[in-house]
């Protein structure tokens, strides 16, 4: 059991490390080519946009146990389709709401 867990988790650790490196390195490279004021504005926008990214991460944490627990059932496609549609709707409307608020604040 532990070997299987380790084999599954090790790529996740590598992915998380590389993802965090990529997420934090953009401001460094931007600071080389742009004034620090513009980099600051970029970082504020990036922080606000990361709120939308929080949803798929939380959904994945809840989805995986649900999906693995039900994938062998005959009626699995129906709840999977309903959950995928609902998750997509929430993501679209939260992104749209963030875009509308961002547009309204720039006037």
PDB file of N, CA and C in Angstrom:
ATOM      1  N   UNK A   1       0.815  -1.198   0.000  1.00  0.00           N
ATOM      2  CA  UNK A   1       0.000   0.000   0.000  1.00  0.00           C
ATOM      3  C   UNK A   1       0.859   1.262   0.000  1.00  0.00           C
ATOM      4  N   UNK A   2       1.857   1.305   0.849  1.00  0.00           N
ATOM      5  CA  UNK A   2       2.692   2.499   0.947  1.00  0.00           C
ATOM      6  C   UNK A   2       3.491   2.731  -0.331  1.00  0.00           C
ATOM      7  N   UNK A   3       3.954   1.644  -0.957  1.00  0.00           N
ATOM      8  CA  UNK A   3       4.731   1.792  -2.197  1.00  0.00           C
ATOM      9  C   UNK A   3       3.853   2.363  -3.307  1.00  0.00           C
ATOM     10  N   UNK A   4       2.609   1.927  -3.386  1.00  0.00           N
ATOM     11  CA  UNK A   4       1.693   2.451  -4.394  1.00  0.00           C
ATOM     12  C   UNK A   4       1.366   3.912  -4.164  1.00  0.00           C
ATOM     13  N   UNK A   5       1.205   4.272  -2.901  1.00  0.00           N
ATOM     14  CA  UNK A   5       0.934   5.662  -2.557  1.00  0.00           C
ATOM     15  C   UNK A   5       2.129   6.542  -2.897  1.00  0.00           C
ATOM     16  N   UNK A   6       3.316   6.050  -2.583  1.00  0.00           N
ATOM     17  CA  UNK A   6       4.535   6.799  -2.895  1.00  0.00           C
ATOM     18  C   UNK A   6       4.690   6.957  -4.401  1.00  0.00           C
ATOM     19  N   UNK A   7       4.426   5.889  -5.143  1.00  0.00           N
ATOM     20  CA  UNK A   7       4.547   5.937  -6.597  1.00  0.00           C
ATOM     21  C   UNK A   7       3.539   6.913  -7.204  1.00  0.00           C
ATOM     22  N   UNK A   8       2.369   7.027  -6.609  1.00  0.00           N
ATOM     23  CA  UNK A   8       1.368   7.982  -7.083  1.00  0.00           C
ATOM     24  C   UNK A   8       1.720   9.405  -6.652  1.00  0.00           C
ATOM     25  N   UNK A   9       2.191   9.576  -5.424  1.00  0.00           N
ATOM     26  CA  UNK A   9       2.405  10.902  -4.874  1.00  0.00           C
ATOM     27  C   UNK A   9       3.667  11.596  -5.338  1.00  0.00           C
ATOM     28  N   UNK A  10       4.714  10.835  -5.672  1.00  0.00           N
ATOM     29  CA  UNK A  10       5.981  11.454  -6.057  1.00  0.00           C
ATOM     30  C   UNK A  10       5.844  12.358  -7.282  1.00  0.00           C
ATOM     31  N   UNK A  11       5.179  11.942  -8.354  1.00  0.00           N
ATOM     32  CA  UNK A  11       4.998  12.874  -9.477  1.00  0.00           C
ATOM     33  C   UNK A  11       4.183  14.108  -9.091  1.00  0.00           C
ATOM     34  N   UNK A  12       3.271  13.962  -8.142  1.00  0.00           N
ATOM     35  CA  UNK A  12       2.487  15.111  -7.694  1.00  0.00           C
ATOM     36  C   UNK A  12       3.378  16.139  -6.992  1.00  0.00           C
ATOM     37  N   UNK A  13       4.350  15.655  -6.225  1.00  0.00           N
ATOM     38  CA  UNK A  13       5.273  16.567  -5.535  1.00  0.00           C
ATOM     39  C   UNK A  13       6.134  17.296  -6.556  1.00  0.00           C
ATOM     40  N   UNK A  14       6.657  16.568  -7.526  1.00  0.00           N
ATOM     41  CA  UNK A  14       7.470  17.186  -8.570  1.00  0.00           C
ATOM     42  C   UNK A  14       6.652  18.213  -9.350  1.00  0.00           C
ATOM     43  N   UNK A  15       5.431  17.862  -9.698  1.00  0.00           N
ATOM     44  CA  UNK A  15       4.553  18.791 -10.407  1.00  0.00           C
ATOM     45  C   UNK A  15       4.309  20.054  -9.578  1.00  0.00           C
ATOM     46  N   UNK A  16       4.005  19.886  -8.292  1.00  0.00           N
ATOM     47  CA  UNK A  16       3.725  21.038  -7.436  1.00  0.00           C
ATOM     48  C   UNK A  16       4.943  21.953  -7.330  1.00  0.00           C
ATOM     49  N   UNK A  17       6.127  21.375  -7.199  1.00  0.00           N
ATOM     50  CA  UNK A  17       7.351  22.174  -7.104  1.00  0.00           C
ATOM     51  C   UNK A  17       7.589  22.958  -8.396  1.00  0.00           C
ATOM     52  N   UNK A  18       7.491  22.274  -9.536  1.00  0.00           N
ATOM     53  CA  UNK A  18       7.717  22.945 -10.812  1.00  0.00           C
ATOM     54  C   UNK A  18       6.632  23.978 -11.111  1.00  0.00           C
ATOM     55  N   UNK A  19       5.416  23.674 -10.739  1.00  0.00           N
ATOM     56  CA  UNK A  19       4.322  24.620 -10.955  1.00  0.00           C
ATOM     57  C   UNK A  19       4.535  25.879 -10.122  1.00  0.00           C
ATOM     58  N   UNK A  20       4.938  25.727  -8.875  1.00  0.00           N
ATOM     59  CA  UNK A  20       5.173  26.884  -8.026  1.00  0.00           C
ATOM     60  C   UNK A  20       6.349  27.707  -8.543  1.00  0.00           C
ATOM     61  N   UNK A  21       7.374  27.035  -9.054  1.00  0.00           N
ATOM     62  CA  UNK A  21       8.513  27.739  -9.629  1.00  0.00           C
ATOM     63  C   UNK A  21       8.073  28.579 -10.822  1.00  0.00           C
ATOM     64  N   UNK A  22       7.267  28.004 -11.685  1.00  0.00           N
ATOM     65  CA  UNK A  22       6.761  28.741 -12.846  1.00  0.00           C
ATOM     66  C   UNK A  22       5.867  29.907 -12.410  1.00  0.00           C
ATOM     67  N   UNK A  23       5.037  29.669 -11.413  1.00  0.00           N
ATOM     68  CA  UNK A  23       4.112  30.702 -10.971  1.00  0.00           C
ATOM     69  C   UNK A  23       4.828  31.892 -10.336  1.00  0.00           C
ATOM     70  N   UNK A  24       5.971  31.658  -9.736  1.00  0.00           N
ATOM     71  CA  UNK A  24       6.671  32.732  -9.042  1.00  0.00           C
ATOM     72  C   UNK A  24       7.778  33.368  -9.873  1.00  0.00           C
ATOM     73  N   UNK A  25       8.138  32.761 -10.994  1.00  0.00           N
ATOM     74  CA  UNK A  25       9.266  33.281 -11.758  1.00  0.00           C
ATOM     75  C   UNK A  25       8.884  34.387 -12.737  1.00  0.00           C
ATOM     76  N   UNK A  26       7.618  34.525 -13.055  1.00  0.00           N
ATOM     77  CA  UNK A  26       7.230  35.520 -14.056  1.00  0.00           C
ATOM     78  C   UNK A  26       7.553  36.944 -13.624  1.00  0.00           C
ATOM     79  N   UNK A  27       7.317  37.258 -12.356  1.00  0.00           N
ATOM     80  CA  UNK A  27       7.586  38.622 -11.911  1.00  0.00           C
ATOM     81  C   UNK A  27       9.071  38.952 -11.979  1.00  0.00           C
ATOM     82  N   UNK A  28       9.913  37.956 -11.749  1.00  0.00           N
ATOM     83  CA  UNK A  28      11.355  38.189 -11.823  1.00  0.00           C
ATOM     84  C   UNK A  28      11.765  38.587 -13.239  1.00  0.00           C
ATOM     85  N   UNK A  29      11.278  37.846 -14.222  1.00  0.00           N
ATOM     86  CA  UNK A  29      11.633  38.145 -15.607  1.00  0.00           C
ATOM     87  C   UNK A  29      10.987  39.434 -16.095  1.00  0.00           C
ATOM     88  N   UNK A  30       9.768  39.719 -15.638  1.00  0.00           N
ATOM     89  CA  UNK A  30       9.129  40.980 -16.004  1.00  0.00           C
ATOM     90  C   UNK A  30       9.896  42.169 -15.433  1.00  0.00           C
ATOM     91  N   UNK A  31      10.424  42.029 -14.225  1.00  0.00           N
ATOM     92  CA  UNK A  31      11.161  43.126 -13.594  1.00  0.00           C
ATOM     93  C   UNK A  31      12.440  43.463 -14.358  1.00  0.00           C
ATOM     94  N   UNK A  32      12.952  42.519 -15.117  1.00  0.00           N
ATOM     95  CA  UNK A  32      14.153  42.786 -15.917  1.00  0.00           C
ATOM     96  C   UNK A  32      13.822  43.720 -17.077  1.00  0.00           C
ATOM     97  N   UNK A  33      12.627  43.584 -17.657  1.00  0.00           N
ATOM     98  CA  UNK A  33      12.274  44.309 -18.872  1.00  0.00           C
ATOM     99  C   UNK A  33      11.296  45.464 -18.669  1.00  0.00           C
ATOM    100  N   UNK A  34      10.611  45.514 -17.536  1.00  0.00           N
ATOM    101  CA  UNK A  34       9.587  46.544 -17.312  1.00  0.00           C
ATOM    102  C   UNK A  34       9.885  47.336 -16.056  1.00  0.00           C
ATOM    103  N   UNK A  35       9.331  48.542 -15.961  1.00  0.00           N
ATOM    104  CA  UNK A  35       9.464  49.308 -14.708  1.00  0.00           C
ATOM    105  C   UNK A  35       8.754  48.584 -13.566  1.00  0.00           C
ATOM    106  N   UNK A  36       9.235  48.774 -12.360  1.00  0.00           N
ATOM    107  CA  UNK A  36       8.708  48.070 -11.196  1.00  0.00           C
ATOM    108  C   UNK A  36       7.239  48.395 -10.939  1.00  0.00           C
ATOM    109  N   UNK A  37       6.784  49.604 -11.336  1.00  0.00           N
ATOM    110  CA  UNK A  37       5.379  49.964 -11.160  1.00  0.00           C
ATOM    111  C   UNK A  37       4.472  49.058 -11.986  1.00  0.00           C
ATOM    112  N   UNK A  38       4.878  48.778 -13.216  1.00  0.00           N
ATOM    113  CA  UNK A  38       4.078  47.907 -14.086  1.00  0.00           C
ATOM    114  C   UNK A  38       4.100  46.464 -13.580  1.00  0.00           C
ATOM    115  N   UNK A  39       5.217  46.046 -13.032  1.00  0.00           N
ATOM    116  CA  UNK A  39       5.294  44.696 -12.452  1.00  0.00           C
ATOM    117  C   UNK A  39       4.359  44.607 -11.249  1.00  0.00           C
ATOM    118  N   UNK A  40       4.288  45.670 -10.451  1.00  0.00           N
ATOM    119  CA  UNK A  40       3.379  45.692  -9.308  1.00  0.00           C
ATOM    120  C   UNK A  40       1.923  45.587  -9.730  1.00  0.00           C
ATOM    121  N   UNK A  41       1.544  46.308 -10.780  1.00  0.00           N
ATOM    122  CA  UNK A  41       0.176  46.220 -11.295  1.00  0.00           C
ATOM    123  C   UNK A  41      -0.109  44.808 -11.801  1.00  0.00           C
ATOM    124  N   UNK A  42       0.868  44.217 -12.474  1.00  0.00           N
ATOM    125  CA  UNK A  42       0.724  42.839 -12.953  1.00  0.00           C
ATOM    126  C   UNK A  42       0.513  41.878 -11.781  1.00  0.00           C
ATOM    127  N   UNK A  43       1.276  42.043 -10.711  1.00  0.00           N
ATOM    128  CA  UNK A  43       1.156  41.154  -9.558  1.00  0.00           C
ATOM    129  C   UNK A  43      -0.198  41.284  -8.880  1.00  0.00           C
ATOM    130  N   UNK A  44      -0.735  42.500  -8.823  1.00  0.00           N
ATOM    131  CA  UNK A  44      -2.072  42.686  -8.242  1.00  0.00           C
ATOM    132  C   UNK A  44      -3.113  41.966  -9.100  1.00  0.00           C
ATOM    133  N   UNK A  45      -3.037  42.145 -10.409  1.00  0.00           N
ATOM    134  CA  UNK A  45      -3.963  41.451 -11.311  1.00  0.00           C
ATOM    135  C   UNK A  45      -3.816  39.945 -11.234  1.00  0.00           C
ATOM    136  N   UNK A  46      -2.616  39.484 -11.134  1.00  0.00           N
ATOM    137  CA  UNK A  46      -2.368  38.045 -11.026  1.00  0.00           C
ATOM    138  C   UNK A  46      -2.931  37.482  -9.721  1.00  0.00           C
ATOM    139  N   UNK A  47      -2.824  38.235  -8.649  1.00  0.00           N
ATOM    140  CA  UNK A  47      -3.371  37.789  -7.365  1.00  0.00           C
ATOM    141  C   UNK A  47      -4.884  37.687  -7.418  1.00  0.00           C
ATOM    142  N   UNK A  48      -5.528  38.661  -8.025  1.00  0.00           N
ATOM    143  CA  UNK A  48      -6.982  38.634  -8.139  1.00  0.00           C
ATOM    144  C   UNK A  48      -7.417  37.472  -9.037  1.00  0.00           C
ATOM    145  N   UNK A  49      -6.702  37.259 -10.132  1.00  0.00           N
ATOM    146  CA  UNK A  49      -7.056  36.172 -11.046  1.00  0.00           C
ATOM    147  C   UNK A  49      -6.826  34.800 -10.419  1.00  0.00           C
ATOM    148  N   UNK A  50      -5.951  34.712  -9.433  1.00  0.00           N
ATOM    149  CA  UNK A  50      -5.699  33.417  -8.798  1.00  0.00           C
ATOM    150  C   UNK A  50      -6.912  32.930  -8.012  1.00  0.00           C
ATOM    151  N   UNK A  51      -7.852  33.823  -7.708  1.00  0.00           N
ATOM    152  CA  UNK A  51      -9.090  33.388  -7.059  1.00  0.00           C
ATOM    153  C   UNK A  51      -9.860  32.416  -7.942  1.00  0.00           C
ATOM    154  N   UNK A  52      -9.824  32.646  -9.248  1.00  0.00           N
ATOM    155  CA  UNK A  52     -10.513  31.743 -10.175  1.00  0.00           C
ATOM    156  C   UNK A  52      -9.803  30.394 -10.206  1.00  0.00           C
ATOM    157  N   UNK A  53      -8.507  30.393 -10.022  1.00  0.00           N
ATOM    158  CA  UNK A  53      -7.736  29.151 -10.043  1.00  0.00           C
ATOM    159  C   UNK A  53      -8.011  28.297  -8.805  1.00  0.00           C
ATOM    160  N   UNK A  54      -8.438  28.907  -7.730  1.00  0.00           N
ATOM    161  CA  UNK A  54      -8.709  28.175  -6.504  1.00  0.00           C
ATOM    162  C   UNK A  54      -9.839  27.162  -6.689  1.00  0.00           C
ATOM    163  N   UNK A  55     -10.816  27.489  -7.481  1.00  0.00           N
ATOM    164  CA  UNK A  55     -11.972  26.609  -7.681  1.00  0.00           C
ATOM    165  C   UNK A  55     -11.591  25.261  -8.292  1.00  0.00           C
ATOM    166  N   UNK A  56     -10.844  25.208  -9.412  1.00  0.00           N
ATOM    167  CA  UNK A  56     -10.508  23.886  -9.953  1.00  0.00           C
ATOM    168  C   UNK A  56      -9.672  23.026  -9.001  1.00  0.00           C
ATOM    169  N   UNK A  57      -8.830  23.642  -8.211  1.00  0.00           N
ATOM    170  CA  UNK A  57      -8.027  22.880  -7.250  1.00  0.00           C
ATOM    171  C   UNK A  57      -8.930  22.266  -6.184  1.00  0.00           C
ATOM    172  N   UNK A  58      -9.859  23.040  -5.666  1.00  0.00           N
ATOM    173  CA  UNK A  58     -10.790  22.523  -4.664  1.00  0.00           C
ATOM    174  C   UNK A  58     -11.703  21.465  -5.266  1.00  0.00           C
ATOM    175  N   UNK A  59     -12.151  21.692  -6.488  1.00  0.00           N
ATOM    176  CA  UNK A  59     -13.024  20.718  -7.144  1.00  0.00           C
ATOM    177  C   UNK A  59     -12.300  19.399  -7.356  1.00  0.00           C
ATOM    178  N   UNK A  60     -11.053  19.446  -7.769  1.00  0.00           N
ATOM    179  CA  UNK A  60     -10.282  18.218  -7.994  1.00  0.00           C
ATOM    180  C   UNK A  60     -10.142  17.418  -6.707  1.00  0.00           C
ATOM    181  N   UNK A  61      -9.930  18.101  -5.596  1.00  0.00           N
ATOM    182  CA  UNK A  61      -9.788  17.409  -4.314  1.00  0.00           C
ATOM    183  C   UNK A  61     -11.071  16.680  -3.921  1.00  0.00           C
ATOM    184  N   UNK A  62     -12.196  17.245  -4.235  1.00  0.00           N
ATOM    185  CA  UNK A  62     -13.470  16.607  -3.917  1.00  0.00           C
ATOM    186  C   UNK A  62     -13.893  15.603  -4.987  1.00  0.00           C
ATOM    187  N   UNK A  63     -13.533  15.867  -6.226  1.00  0.00           N
ATOM    188  CA  UNK A  63     -13.984  15.048  -7.341  1.00  0.00           C
ATOM    189  C   UNK A  63     -13.333  13.672  -7.364  1.00  0.00           C
ATOM    190  N   UNK A  64     -12.054  13.596  -7.108  1.00  0.00           N
ATOM    191  CA  UNK A  64     -11.338  12.329  -7.257  1.00  0.00           C
ATOM    192  C   UNK A  64     -11.918  11.211  -6.377  1.00  0.00           C
ATOM    193  N   UNK A  65     -12.142  11.410  -5.081  1.00  0.00           N
ATOM    194  CA  UNK A  65     -12.750  10.324  -4.291  1.00  0.00           C
ATOM    195  C   UNK A  65     -14.153   9.963  -4.774  1.00  0.00           C
ATOM    196  N   UNK A  66     -14.915  10.981  -5.162  1.00  0.00           N
ATOM    197  CA  UNK A  66     -16.261  10.733  -5.677  1.00  0.00           C
ATOM    198  C   UNK A  66     -16.201   9.894  -6.953  1.00  0.00           C
ATOM    199  N   UNK A  67     -15.336  10.279  -7.881  1.00  0.00           N
ATOM    200  CA  UNK A  67     -15.257   9.590  -9.171  1.00  0.00           C
ATOM    201  C   UNK A  67     -14.754   8.162  -9.005  1.00  0.00           C
ATOM    202  N   UNK A  68     -13.710   7.965  -8.224  1.00  0.00           N
ATOM    203  CA  UNK A  68     -13.184   6.617  -8.044  1.00  0.00           C
ATOM    204  C   UNK A  68     -14.146   5.721  -7.290  1.00  0.00           C
ATOM    205  N   UNK A  69     -14.952   6.299  -6.422  1.00  0.00           N
ATOM    206  CA  UNK A  69     -15.935   5.511  -5.687  1.00  0.00           C
ATOM    207  C   UNK A  69     -17.117   5.073  -6.538  1.00  0.00           C
ATOM    208  N   UNK A  70     -17.383   5.780  -7.625  1.00  0.00           N
ATOM    209  CA  UNK A  70     -18.575   5.488  -8.433  1.00  0.00           C
ATOM    210  C   UNK A  70     -18.290   5.023  -9.849  1.00  0.00           C
ATOM    211  N   UNK A  71     -17.045   4.969 -10.257  1.00  0.00           N
ATOM    212  CA  UNK A  71     -16.777   4.692 -11.668  1.00  0.00           C
ATOM    213  C   UNK A  71     -17.134   3.278 -12.107  1.00  0.00           C
ATOM    214  N   UNK A  72     -17.264   2.347 -11.192  1.00  0.00           N
ATOM    215  CA  UNK A  72     -17.618   0.975 -11.575  1.00  0.00           C
ATOM    216  C   UNK A  72     -19.124   0.744 -11.631  1.00  0.00           C
ATOM    217  N   UNK A  73     -19.899   1.712 -11.231  1.00  0.00           N
ATOM    218  CA  UNK A  73     -21.346   1.554 -11.252  1.00  0.00           C
ATOM    219  C   UNK A  73     -21.889   1.733 -12.664  1.00  0.00           C
ATOM    220  N   UNK A  74     -23.005   1.095 -12.940  1.00  0.00           N
ATOM    221  CA  UNK A  74     -23.610   1.182 -14.271  1.00  0.00           C
ATOM    222  C   UNK A  74     -24.168   2.573 -14.563  1.00  0.00           C
ATOM    223  N   UNK A  75     -24.641   3.249 -13.536  1.00  0.00           N
ATOM    224  CA  UNK A  75     -25.239   4.573 -13.740  1.00  0.00           C
ATOM    225  C   UNK A  75     -24.215   5.703 -13.584  1.00  0.00           C
ATOM    226  N   UNK A  76     -22.936   5.405 -13.675  1.00  0.00           N
ATOM    227  CA  UNK A  76     -21.881   6.405 -13.463  1.00  0.00           C
ATOM    228  C   UNK A  76     -21.906   7.557 -14.475  1.00  0.00           C
ATOM    229  N   UNK A  77     -22.176   7.332 -15.754  1.00  0.00           N
ATOM    230  CA  UNK A  77     -22.130   8.460 -16.687  1.00  0.00           C
ATOM    231  C   UNK A  77     -23.102   9.593 -16.358  1.00  0.00           C
ATOM    232  N   UNK A  78     -24.260   9.295 -15.836  1.00  0.00           N
ATOM    233  CA  UNK A  78     -25.243  10.349 -15.544  1.00  0.00           C
ATOM    234  C   UNK A  78     -24.761  11.313 -14.448  1.00  0.00           C
ATOM    235  N   UNK A  79     -24.342  10.818 -13.263  1.00  0.00           N
ATOM    236  CA  UNK A  79     -23.859  11.793 -12.264  1.00  0.00           C
ATOM    237  C   UNK A  79     -22.555  12.472 -12.685  1.00  0.00           C
ATOM    238  N   UNK A  80     -21.717  11.776 -13.446  1.00  0.00           N
ATOM    239  CA  UNK A  80     -20.475  12.399 -13.919  1.00  0.00           C
ATOM    240  C   UNK A  80     -20.792  13.561 -14.856  1.00  0.00           C
ATOM    241  N   UNK A  81     -21.748  13.360 -15.751  1.00  0.00           N
ATOM    242  CA  UNK A  81     -22.126  14.425 -16.680  1.00  0.00           C
ATOM    243  C   UNK A  81     -22.742  15.603 -15.936  1.00  0.00           C
ATOM    244  N   UNK A  82     -23.590  15.316 -14.947  1.00  0.00           N
ATOM    245  CA  UNK A  82     -24.226  16.388 -14.178  1.00  0.00           C
ATOM    246  C   UNK A  82     -23.193  17.178 -13.385  1.00  0.00           C
ATOM    247  N   UNK A  83     -22.257  16.479 -12.750  1.00  0.00           N
ATOM    248  CA  UNK A  83     -21.217  17.167 -11.972  1.00  0.00           C
ATOM    249  C   UNK A  83     -20.296  17.985 -12.872  1.00  0.00           C
ATOM    250  N   UNK A  84     -19.927  17.430 -14.023  1.00  0.00           N
ATOM    251  CA  UNK A  84     -19.043  18.159 -14.940  1.00  0.00           C
ATOM    252  C   UNK A  84     -19.726  19.420 -15.462  1.00  0.00           C
ATOM    253  N   UNK A  85     -21.002  19.317 -15.781  1.00  0.00           N
ATOM    254  CA  UNK A  85     -21.743  20.482 -16.254  1.00  0.00           C
ATOM    255  C   UNK A  85     -21.856  21.541 -15.165  1.00  0.00           C
ATOM    256  N   UNK A  86     -22.173  21.115 -13.960  1.00  0.00           N
ATOM    257  CA  UNK A  86     -22.292  22.065 -12.846  1.00  0.00           C
ATOM    258  C   UNK A  86     -20.952  22.725 -12.540  1.00  0.00           C
ATOM    259  N   UNK A  87     -19.887  21.951 -12.541  1.00  0.00           N
ATOM    260  CA  UNK A  87     -18.557  22.505 -12.263  1.00  0.00           C
ATOM    261  C   UNK A  87     -18.155  23.510 -13.339  1.00  0.00           C
ATOM    262  N   UNK A  88     -18.434  23.187 -14.577  1.00  0.00           N
ATOM    263  CA  UNK A  88     -18.119  24.097 -15.672  1.00  0.00           C
ATOM    264  C   UNK A  88     -18.929  25.385 -15.564  1.00  0.00           C
ATOM    265  N   UNK A  89     -20.207  25.256 -15.212  1.00  0.00           N
ATOM    266  CA  UNK A  89     -21.057  26.441 -15.058  1.00  0.00           C
ATOM    267  C   UNK A  89     -20.525  27.370 -13.969  1.00  0.00           C
ATOM    268  N   UNK A  90     -20.137  26.805 -12.842  1.00  0.00           N
ATOM    269  CA  UNK A  90     -19.602  27.622 -11.747  1.00  0.00           C
ATOM    270  C   UNK A  90     -18.326  28.325 -12.187  1.00  0.00           C
ATOM    271  N   UNK A  91     -17.451  27.618 -12.875  1.00  0.00           N
ATOM    272  CA  UNK A  91     -16.197  28.211 -13.327  1.00  0.00           C
ATOM    273  C   UNK A  91     -16.443  29.328 -14.339  1.00  0.00           C
ATOM    274  N   UNK A  92     -17.354  29.113 -15.265  1.00  0.00           N
ATOM    275  CA  UNK A  92     -17.653  30.135 -16.277  1.00  0.00           C
ATOM    276  C   UNK A  92     -18.243  31.377 -15.629  1.00  0.00           C
ATOM    277  N   UNK A  93     -19.222  31.195 -14.737  1.00  0.00           N
ATOM    278  CA  UNK A  93     -19.866  32.353 -14.135  1.00  0.00           C
ATOM    279  C   UNK A  93     -18.951  33.086 -13.157  1.00  0.00           C
ATOM    280  N   UNK A  94     -18.079  32.365 -12.467  1.00  0.00           N
ATOM    281  CA  UNK A  94     -17.136  33.063 -11.582  1.00  0.00           C
ATOM    282  C   UNK A  94     -16.110  33.843 -12.399  1.00  0.00           C
ATOM    283  N   UNK A  95     -15.667  33.288 -13.509  1.00  0.00           N
ATOM    284  CA  UNK A  95     -14.743  34.011 -14.383  1.00  0.00           C
ATOM    285  C   UNK A  95     -15.425  35.223 -15.010  1.00  0.00           C
ATOM    286  N   UNK A  96     -16.649  35.046 -15.446  1.00  0.00           N
ATOM    287  CA  UNK A  96     -17.405  36.157 -16.015  1.00  0.00           C
ATOM    288  C   UNK A  96     -17.630  37.257 -14.980  1.00  0.00           C
ATOM    289  N   UNK A  97     -17.977  36.869 -13.768  1.00  0.00           N
ATOM    290  CA  UNK A  97     -18.171  37.855 -12.713  1.00  0.00           C
ATOM    291  C   UNK A  97     -16.898  38.615 -12.401  1.00  0.00           C
ATOM    292  N   UNK A  98     -15.785  37.920 -12.375  1.00  0.00           N
ATOM    293  CA  UNK A  98     -14.502  38.581 -12.131  1.00  0.00           C
ATOM    294  C   UNK A  98     -14.161  39.538 -13.263  1.00  0.00           C
ATOM    295  N   UNK A  99     -14.448  39.143 -14.494  1.00  0.00           N
ATOM    296  CA  UNK A  99     -14.184  40.012 -15.645  1.00  0.00           C
ATOM    297  C   UNK A  99     -15.065  41.254 -15.615  1.00  0.00           C
ATOM    298  N   UNK A 100     -16.325  41.092 -15.237  1.00  0.00           N
ATOM    299  CA  UNK A 100     -17.230  42.244 -15.164  1.00  0.00           C
ATOM    300  C   UNK A 100     -16.771  43.200 -14.066  1.00  0.00           C
ATOM    301  N   UNK A 101     -16.377  42.674 -12.934  1.00  0.00           N
ATOM    302  CA  UNK A 101     -15.898  43.536 -11.844  1.00  0.00           C
ATOM    303  C   UNK A 101     -14.600  44.231 -12.232  1.00  0.00           C
ATOM    304  N   UNK A 102     -13.729  43.535 -12.935  1.00  0.00           N
ATOM    305  CA  UNK A 102     -12.472  44.149 -13.362  1.00  0.00           C
ATOM    306  C   UNK A 102     -12.720  45.260 -14.373  1.00  0.00           C
ATOM    307  N   UNK A 103     -13.656  45.044 -15.273  1.00  0.00           N
ATOM    308  CA  UNK A 103     -13.974  46.068 -16.273  1.00  0.00           C
ATOM    309  C   UNK A 103     -14.598  47.278 -15.611  1.00  0.00           C
ATOM    310  N   UNK A 104     -15.453  47.056 -14.630  1.00  0.00           N
ATOM    311  CA  UNK A 104     -16.116  48.158 -13.942  1.00  0.00           C
ATOM    312  C   UNK A 104     -15.158  48.997 -13.103  1.00  0.00           C
ATOM    313  N   UNK A 105     -14.105  48.395 -12.609  1.00  0.00           N
ATOM    314  CA  UNK A 105     -13.181  49.127 -11.744  1.00  0.00           C
ATOM    315  C   UNK A 105     -12.193  49.963 -12.545  1.00  0.00           C
ATOM    316  N   UNK A 106     -12.080  49.733 -13.846  1.00  0.00           N
ATOM    317  CA  UNK A 106     -11.101  50.483 -14.642  1.00  0.00           C
ATOM    318  C   UNK A 106     -11.679  51.777 -15.214  1.00  0.00           C
ATOM    319  N   UNK A 107     -12.960  52.044 -14.999  1.00  0.00           N
ATOM    320  CA  UNK A 107     -13.583  53.252 -15.561  1.00  0.00           C
ATOM    321  C   UNK A 107     -13.290  54.470 -14.762  1.00  0.00           C
TER     322      UNK A 107
END
